[in-house]
Protein backbone atom coordinates (compact mmCIF):
# COMPACT_ATOMS: atom_id res chain seq x y z
CA MET A 1 180.00 151.71 36.26
CA SER A 2 179.19 155.40 36.06
CA ASP A 3 181.13 158.67 37.35
CA GLU A 4 179.75 161.98 38.08
CA PHE A 5 181.35 165.07 37.22
CA ARG A 6 180.19 168.21 39.10
CA ILE A 7 181.31 172.00 38.93
CA PRO A 8 179.44 174.99 39.59
CA PRO A 9 176.65 176.16 37.32
CA THR A 10 178.43 179.11 36.78
CA VAL A 11 181.65 180.38 36.58
CA VAL A 12 183.05 183.96 35.57
CA THR A 13 186.80 184.26 35.22
CA GLY A 14 188.78 186.93 33.98
CA TRP A 15 190.18 190.22 35.10
CA ARG A 16 188.13 192.53 37.11
CA CYS A 17 185.25 189.91 36.61
CA LEU A 18 184.16 191.01 40.08
CA GLU A 19 181.93 193.45 38.74
CA GLU A 20 179.71 190.93 37.76
CA LEU A 21 179.04 189.89 41.41
CA GLY A 22 175.94 191.61 41.64
CA ARG A 23 174.17 190.65 38.36
CA LEU A 24 174.71 187.01 39.62
CA ALA A 25 173.65 187.23 42.89
CA ALA A 26 170.59 189.33 42.44
CA PRO A 27 168.45 186.80 41.12
CA LEU A 28 169.81 184.36 44.50
CA GLY A 29 168.15 186.54 46.75
CA ARG A 30 167.47 190.14 47.65
CA LYS A 31 169.30 190.17 51.26
CA ALA A 32 172.70 188.87 51.33
CA LEU A 33 175.12 187.56 53.94
CA LEU A 34 178.58 188.33 52.72
CA VAL A 35 181.29 186.07 54.92
CA THR A 36 184.74 187.58 55.32
CA GLY A 37 187.75 187.85 56.92
CA SER A 38 188.56 190.37 60.08
CA ARG A 39 191.32 192.22 58.34
CA ALA A 40 192.70 192.09 55.18
CA MET A 41 189.61 191.98 53.15
CA LYS A 42 189.05 195.84 54.93
CA LYS A 43 192.48 196.41 54.56
CA THR A 44 192.74 195.99 50.54
CA GLY A 45 189.60 197.99 50.31
CA LEU A 46 187.82 194.68 48.58
CA ALA A 47 185.08 194.05 51.37
CA ASN A 48 183.62 197.64 50.94
CA ARG A 49 184.14 197.30 46.93
CA THR A 50 182.19 194.13 47.48
CA LEU A 51 179.37 195.95 49.28
CA GLY A 52 179.34 198.30 46.85
CA LEU A 53 178.70 196.30 43.91
CA LEU A 54 175.96 194.27 45.66
CA LYS A 55 174.13 197.27 46.85
CA ALA A 56 173.93 198.59 43.29
CA ALA A 57 172.62 195.58 41.96
CA GLY A 58 169.40 196.03 44.57
CA LEU A 59 171.17 193.52 47.41
CA GLU A 60 170.70 194.23 51.22
CA THR A 61 173.93 192.94 52.29
CA GLU A 62 175.19 192.49 56.09
CA MET A 63 178.63 191.18 56.74
CA PHE A 64 180.19 188.52 58.70
CA ASP A 65 184.05 189.16 59.04
CA ARG A 66 185.07 187.17 61.68
CA VAL A 67 186.33 184.15 60.17
CA GLU A 68 189.74 183.39 61.23
CA ARG A 69 192.70 181.56 59.35
CA GLU A 70 191.48 178.12 60.13
CA PRO A 71 187.73 178.79 60.93
CA ASP A 72 186.37 176.68 64.20
CA VAL A 73 183.07 175.11 64.49
CA THR A 74 182.24 177.72 66.84
CA THR A 75 182.75 180.19 64.79
CA ALA A 76 180.85 178.41 62.39
CA ASP A 77 177.76 178.33 64.88
CA GLU A 78 177.99 182.20 65.32
CA ALA A 79 177.94 183.02 61.41
CA ARG A 80 174.86 180.53 61.22
CA ALA A 81 173.14 182.43 63.77
CA PHE A 82 173.77 185.80 62.39
CA ALA A 83 172.55 184.35 58.78
CA HIS A 84 169.53 183.84 60.47
CA GLU A 85 169.45 186.97 62.43
CA VAL A 86 169.54 189.35 59.24
CA GLY A 87 167.11 186.57 57.49
CA ALA A 88 169.88 186.07 54.80
CA GLU A 89 168.49 184.62 51.09
CA VAL A 90 172.17 184.15 49.82
CA VAL A 91 175.31 183.73 51.28
CA ILE A 92 178.48 185.35 49.34
CA GLY A 93 182.05 184.46 50.37
CA LEU A 94 184.91 186.48 50.08
CA GLY A 95 188.68 185.73 50.28
CA GLY A 96 190.58 182.66 50.87
CA GLY A 97 189.73 179.25 51.53
CA SER A 98 188.84 179.80 54.81
CA ALA A 99 186.30 182.24 53.97
CA LEU A 100 184.64 180.56 51.22
CA ASP A 101 184.79 177.07 54.02
CA LEU A 102 183.00 179.10 55.97
CA GLY A 103 180.47 180.41 53.84
CA LYS A 104 179.77 176.90 52.25
CA VAL A 105 178.46 175.76 55.68
CA VAL A 106 176.83 178.74 56.76
CA ALA A 107 174.80 178.28 53.36
CA GLY A 108 174.38 174.55 53.55
CA LEU A 109 173.26 174.68 57.23
CA TYR A 110 171.32 176.93 57.09
CA ASN A 111 168.08 174.96 57.41
CA GLU A 112 169.67 172.49 59.73
CA THR A 113 168.92 172.56 63.49
CA ALA A 114 172.49 170.59 65.01
CA ALA A 115 175.31 171.98 66.00
CA THR A 116 178.17 172.17 63.35
CA THR A 117 180.71 169.96 64.88
CA ARG A 118 177.77 166.83 64.44
CA PHE A 119 178.33 167.09 60.69
CA PHE A 120 181.77 165.92 61.06
CA THR A 121 179.99 162.71 61.59
CA GLU A 122 177.17 161.31 63.00
CA GLN A 123 174.77 164.19 61.58
CA LYS A 124 173.47 164.05 58.04
CA VAL A 125 172.46 166.93 55.95
CA GLU A 126 168.89 166.36 55.28
CA THR A 127 167.93 169.85 54.01
CA MET A 128 168.47 172.27 51.28
CA GLY A 129 170.23 175.25 52.21
CA LEU A 130 170.97 178.79 50.87
CA PRO A 131 172.34 179.32 47.39
CA PHE A 132 176.19 180.75 47.74
CA VAL A 133 178.52 182.40 45.90
CA ALA A 134 182.07 182.06 45.86
CA VAL A 135 184.69 184.82 45.29
CA PRO A 136 188.02 183.60 45.73
CA THR A 137 190.88 186.00 46.32
CA THR A 138 193.97 183.97 46.69
CA SER A 139 195.15 180.87 44.23
CA GLY A 140 195.40 178.17 46.39
CA THR A 141 192.03 176.10 47.94
CA GLY A 142 189.78 175.39 44.60
CA SER A 143 186.90 175.86 47.29
CA GLU A 144 185.04 177.71 44.74
CA ALA A 145 184.60 174.80 42.70
CA GLY A 146 183.45 171.87 45.12
CA ILE A 147 181.23 170.60 47.71
CA ASN A 148 183.75 170.65 50.70
CA GLY A 149 183.33 173.05 53.82
CA VAL A 150 186.63 172.18 55.61
CA ILE A 151 186.07 173.30 59.73
CA CYS A 152 188.07 172.74 62.68
CA ASP A 153 186.99 171.45 66.24
CA ARG A 154 189.92 172.82 68.08
CA ALA A 155 188.13 171.20 71.44
CA ARG A 156 188.48 167.87 69.66
CA LYS A 157 191.66 168.25 68.08
CA ILE A 158 189.76 167.51 64.11
CA LYS A 159 190.14 169.03 61.44
CA ALA A 160 187.88 167.61 58.10
CA SER A 161 185.64 168.66 55.50
CA ILE A 162 181.68 168.74 56.04
CA ARG A 163 180.60 167.28 52.42
CA ASP A 164 177.76 167.63 50.50
CA GLY A 165 176.34 167.73 46.91
CA ARG A 166 174.06 170.52 47.94
CA PHE A 167 177.13 172.66 49.03
CA MET A 168 178.15 173.52 45.38
CA PRO A 169 178.27 176.98 45.20
CA MET A 170 175.67 178.44 42.65
CA ALA A 171 178.22 180.53 41.04
CA ALA A 172 182.23 181.11 41.26
CA VAL A 173 183.62 184.56 40.43
CA VAL A 174 187.14 184.12 39.94
CA ASP A 175 188.86 187.39 39.18
CA PRO A 176 192.83 187.49 39.29
CA GLU A 177 193.05 190.65 40.17
CA LEU A 178 191.79 190.04 43.68
CA THR A 179 194.77 187.94 43.93
CA VAL A 180 197.45 190.89 43.74
CA PRO A 181 197.53 192.37 47.18
CA CYS A 182 198.03 188.78 48.49
CA PRO A 183 201.39 189.18 50.69
CA ALA A 184 204.45 187.28 48.98
CA GLU A 185 204.21 184.19 51.38
CA VAL A 186 200.43 183.89 51.13
CA THR A 187 200.85 183.54 47.29
CA ALA A 188 203.78 181.03 47.79
CA THR A 189 201.81 178.64 50.16
CA ALA A 190 198.43 178.72 48.90
CA GLY A 191 200.12 178.21 45.29
CA LEU A 192 201.47 175.06 46.88
CA ASP A 193 198.20 173.82 47.89
CA ALA A 194 196.88 174.24 44.46
CA LEU A 195 199.88 172.26 42.85
CA THR A 196 199.41 169.71 45.63
CA GLN A 197 195.82 169.31 45.00
CA ALA A 198 196.63 169.30 41.19
CA ILE A 199 199.18 166.51 41.44
CA GLU A 200 196.71 164.44 44.11
CA SER A 201 193.91 164.41 41.77
CA TYR A 202 195.86 163.59 39.15
CA ILE A 203 197.18 160.53 40.53
CA SER A 204 194.09 159.59 42.56
CA ILE A 205 192.51 155.98 42.04
CA HIS A 206 189.19 157.96 41.49
CA ALA A 207 190.72 160.28 38.48
CA THR A 208 189.07 160.11 35.10
CA PRO A 209 189.74 161.52 31.47
CA LEU A 210 187.82 164.74 32.53
CA THR A 211 189.77 165.21 35.85
CA GLU A 212 193.17 164.37 34.63
CA ALA A 213 192.62 167.20 31.87
CA LEU A 214 191.92 169.86 34.04
CA SER A 215 194.73 168.49 36.51
CA ILE A 216 197.47 168.07 34.22
CA ARG A 217 196.94 171.86 33.05
CA ALA A 218 196.56 172.81 36.04
CA ALA A 219 199.68 171.41 37.08
CA LEU A 220 201.42 172.94 34.08
CA ASP A 221 199.70 176.55 34.91
CA LEU A 222 200.51 176.54 38.67
CA ALA A 223 204.17 175.16 37.92
CA THR A 224 205.04 178.07 35.64
CA SER A 225 203.23 180.86 37.53
CA VAL A 226 203.45 180.47 41.19
CA GLU A 227 207.12 181.23 41.47
CA ARG A 228 206.72 184.05 39.29
CA ALA A 229 203.37 185.66 40.97
CA PHE A 230 205.42 185.03 44.35
CA ARG A 231 208.33 187.18 42.62
CA GLU A 232 206.26 189.87 40.43
CA PRO A 233 203.05 190.18 42.57
CA GLU A 234 201.82 192.81 39.72
CA ASN A 235 202.63 190.57 36.99
CA GLN A 236 199.11 190.17 35.32
CA VAL A 237 199.71 187.09 33.01
CA ALA A 238 201.34 184.82 36.31
CA ARG A 239 198.61 186.02 38.34
CA THR A 240 195.80 184.79 35.91
CA ARG A 241 197.24 181.71 35.24
CA ALA A 242 197.87 181.08 39.00
CA SER A 243 194.08 181.61 39.34
CA TYR A 244 193.01 179.19 36.41
CA GLY A 245 195.32 176.79 37.50
CA SER A 246 194.04 176.86 41.47
CA LEU A 247 190.44 176.42 39.68
CA MET A 248 190.89 173.58 37.66
CA ALA A 249 192.79 171.96 40.57
CA GLY A 250 189.39 172.37 42.54
CA MET A 251 187.36 170.91 39.65
CA ALA A 252 189.58 167.92 39.03
CA LEU A 253 189.74 167.16 43.14
CA GLY A 254 186.16 167.94 44.03
CA ASN A 255 185.58 164.62 41.67
CA ALA A 256 188.26 162.89 41.71
CA ARG A 257 189.25 163.29 45.46
CA LEU A 258 192.99 164.08 46.63
CA GLY A 259 195.68 161.63 48.31
CA VAL A 260 198.24 160.92 51.36
CA ILE A 261 199.20 164.25 51.70
CA HIS A 262 195.77 165.83 52.16
CA GLY A 263 195.12 162.82 54.74
CA ILE A 264 197.67 164.08 56.69
CA VAL A 265 198.26 167.55 56.90
CA HIS A 266 194.53 167.96 58.80
CA PRO A 267 195.39 166.33 61.91
CA LEU A 268 199.09 168.11 61.54
CA GLY A 269 197.77 171.30 61.11
CA VAL A 270 195.14 171.71 63.68
CA ARG A 271 197.75 170.11 66.35
CA TYR A 272 200.35 172.55 65.37
CA ASP A 273 198.97 175.55 63.93
CA ILE A 274 200.96 174.98 60.61
CA PRO A 275 199.76 176.69 57.50
CA HIS A 276 197.83 174.52 55.59
CA GLY A 277 199.43 175.15 51.67
CA LEU A 278 202.87 175.12 53.62
CA ALA A 279 202.19 171.92 55.06
CA CYS A 280 201.40 170.62 51.66
CA GLY A 281 204.20 172.17 50.25
CA VAL A 282 206.42 170.60 52.54
CA LEU A 283 205.02 167.06 52.18
CA LEU A 284 204.81 167.27 48.63
CA PRO A 285 208.09 166.11 47.70
CA VAL A 286 208.10 163.16 50.11
CA ALA A 287 204.71 161.94 48.99
CA LEU A 288 205.93 161.82 45.51
CA GLY A 289 208.59 159.62 46.33
CA TYR A 290 206.27 157.56 47.94
CA ASN A 291 203.70 157.08 45.23
CA ARG A 292 206.37 157.20 42.43
CA SER A 293 206.03 153.02 41.74
CA ALA A 294 202.09 153.24 42.06
CA CYS A 295 201.56 156.35 39.21
CA GLY A 296 202.51 154.24 36.02
CA THR A 297 203.05 156.47 33.49
CA LYS A 298 201.96 159.44 35.22
CA TYR A 299 204.74 160.21 37.44
CA ALA A 300 207.16 160.82 33.91
CA VAL A 301 204.35 163.17 32.68
CA LEU A 302 204.34 165.02 35.78
CA SER A 303 208.19 165.37 35.31
CA SER A 304 207.92 166.17 31.35
CA ILE A 305 205.59 169.22 32.84
CA PHE A 306 207.93 170.20 35.53
CA GLY A 307 211.17 170.41 33.27
CA GLY A 308 212.87 167.54 35.65
CA ASP A 309 211.92 165.14 38.31
CA ALA A 310 208.48 166.08 39.79
CA ALA A 311 209.92 165.46 43.40
CA GLU A 312 213.08 167.33 43.14
CA PHE A 313 210.79 170.12 41.17
CA THR A 314 208.40 170.61 44.16
CA ARG A 315 211.70 170.78 46.76
CA GLY A 316 213.62 173.45 44.54
CA LEU A 317 210.05 175.47 44.24
CA LEU A 318 210.03 175.36 48.13
CA GLU A 319 213.62 176.77 48.00
CA ARG A 320 213.17 178.77 45.61
CA MET A 321 210.37 180.90 47.07
CA LYS A 322 212.04 180.57 50.65
CA LEU A 323 209.71 178.43 52.38
CA PRO A 324 211.42 175.70 55.26
CA ALA A 325 211.50 172.43 53.73
CA ASP A 326 210.63 170.67 57.02
CA PHE A 327 208.60 171.11 60.13
CA LYS A 328 211.26 172.30 62.28
CA SER A 329 210.46 175.29 63.45
CA PHE A 330 206.94 174.45 64.27
CA GLY A 331 207.92 172.33 67.23
CA VAL A 332 206.57 168.53 65.79
CA ARG A 333 207.01 166.28 68.53
CA ALA A 334 208.44 162.53 67.62
CA LYS A 335 205.83 161.55 70.32
CA ASP A 336 203.02 162.56 68.55
CA PHE A 337 203.84 160.74 65.11
CA GLU A 338 201.64 157.80 65.93
CA VAL A 339 198.59 160.16 67.09
CA ILE A 340 198.95 161.96 63.81
CA ALA A 341 199.05 158.77 61.86
CA GLU A 342 196.26 157.21 63.75
CA GLU A 343 194.02 160.20 63.31
CA SER A 344 195.12 160.33 59.20
CA MET A 345 193.72 156.75 58.73
CA PRO A 346 190.24 157.19 58.39
CA SER A 347 190.58 160.49 55.58
CA GLY A 348 188.95 159.50 52.61
CA SER A 349 191.75 161.31 50.96
CA LEU A 350 194.12 158.54 52.22
CA LYS A 351 191.33 155.93 50.47
CA ALA A 352 191.95 157.76 47.31
CA ASN A 353 196.29 157.37 47.16
CA PRO A 354 197.69 155.44 44.41
CA ARG A 355 199.49 153.56 46.98
CA LYS A 356 198.10 152.07 49.79
CA VAL A 357 198.95 153.64 52.96
CA THR A 358 199.52 152.04 55.98
CA LYS A 359 199.53 154.01 59.41
CA GLU A 360 203.41 152.93 59.80
CA ASP A 361 203.83 154.78 56.20
CA VAL A 362 202.77 157.86 57.82
CA VAL A 363 205.17 157.59 60.87
CA GLU A 364 208.03 157.24 58.09
CA MET A 365 206.75 160.29 55.88
CA LEU A 366 206.66 162.43 59.06
CA ARG A 367 210.04 161.35 60.39
CA LYS A 368 211.37 163.04 57.02
CA VAL A 369 210.25 166.46 57.62
CA CYS A 370 210.28 166.72 61.16
């Protein structure tokens, strides 16, 4: 039996390393498509700064700036069509996980003709797409280090990953300075997403010594930086540690997979529009309690890192960052528990969980947080 470990060929990290973007992108193509959101990157000036860096490196760049918080397949299809219209040769994703995931899908499916929604199930990726460069502006999803493009199909109430080895970014530019403008709530929820990924990849049945090393360091860095970055947004040390933690968690999950939380939050989020990171954070204490008996010594290791019981630490983190500990404000209905559980069951994340998960287990977890 063998294990394969995949990460981007080039990862550049460090304060102000965005300045390296042009050097990295120029060899990949002369016509670039910048995929980003409609407001935040313009408001902070990052979109214009990025366009300037690409222009200085000799790239002709067009921008697709209609990425919503949870990108839909219709948006992906629009962006794919626009990429062809402008003759893109390289795609650059700038923003949080949504922009990176959409950019990854646009690049990866560039030479495919089927609609994006078909790649959830029946259609396989058969062609090589365009090279993709990831520039995260939050410390959260770790999308810059993996092959998953998470997309919604709201018409069918589906949120899932389109996953293919050819989706791996050719380069990731992880500049902690870009996370400074994040609103406090985004810093908190993105950090909880990253922490959840560090923990779930660590206890996954597919974890290896390589991924465990990354997961543990990620959990340590995130546990000691997320709350501090939330309270002190300009703190360079906290922002840097959170960026590294998110990156390492992304590398780990891309090879070890995740667990029950990520199996549940996709159908839950698409039905009730719950921010992904918040959904992860709310479920984290419950899932840690559920998995404790199946984790062996790993639960004790996590508790040692957190300076106390792992589940209680994560519950306290929610409280200290003034985030809800349940989903009551989102109006999650008890009558939907069975459907959400049913939609969770096919997830590869559930299959990687250290303790076997039944539909009844998912319903019980939902009861505890709704």
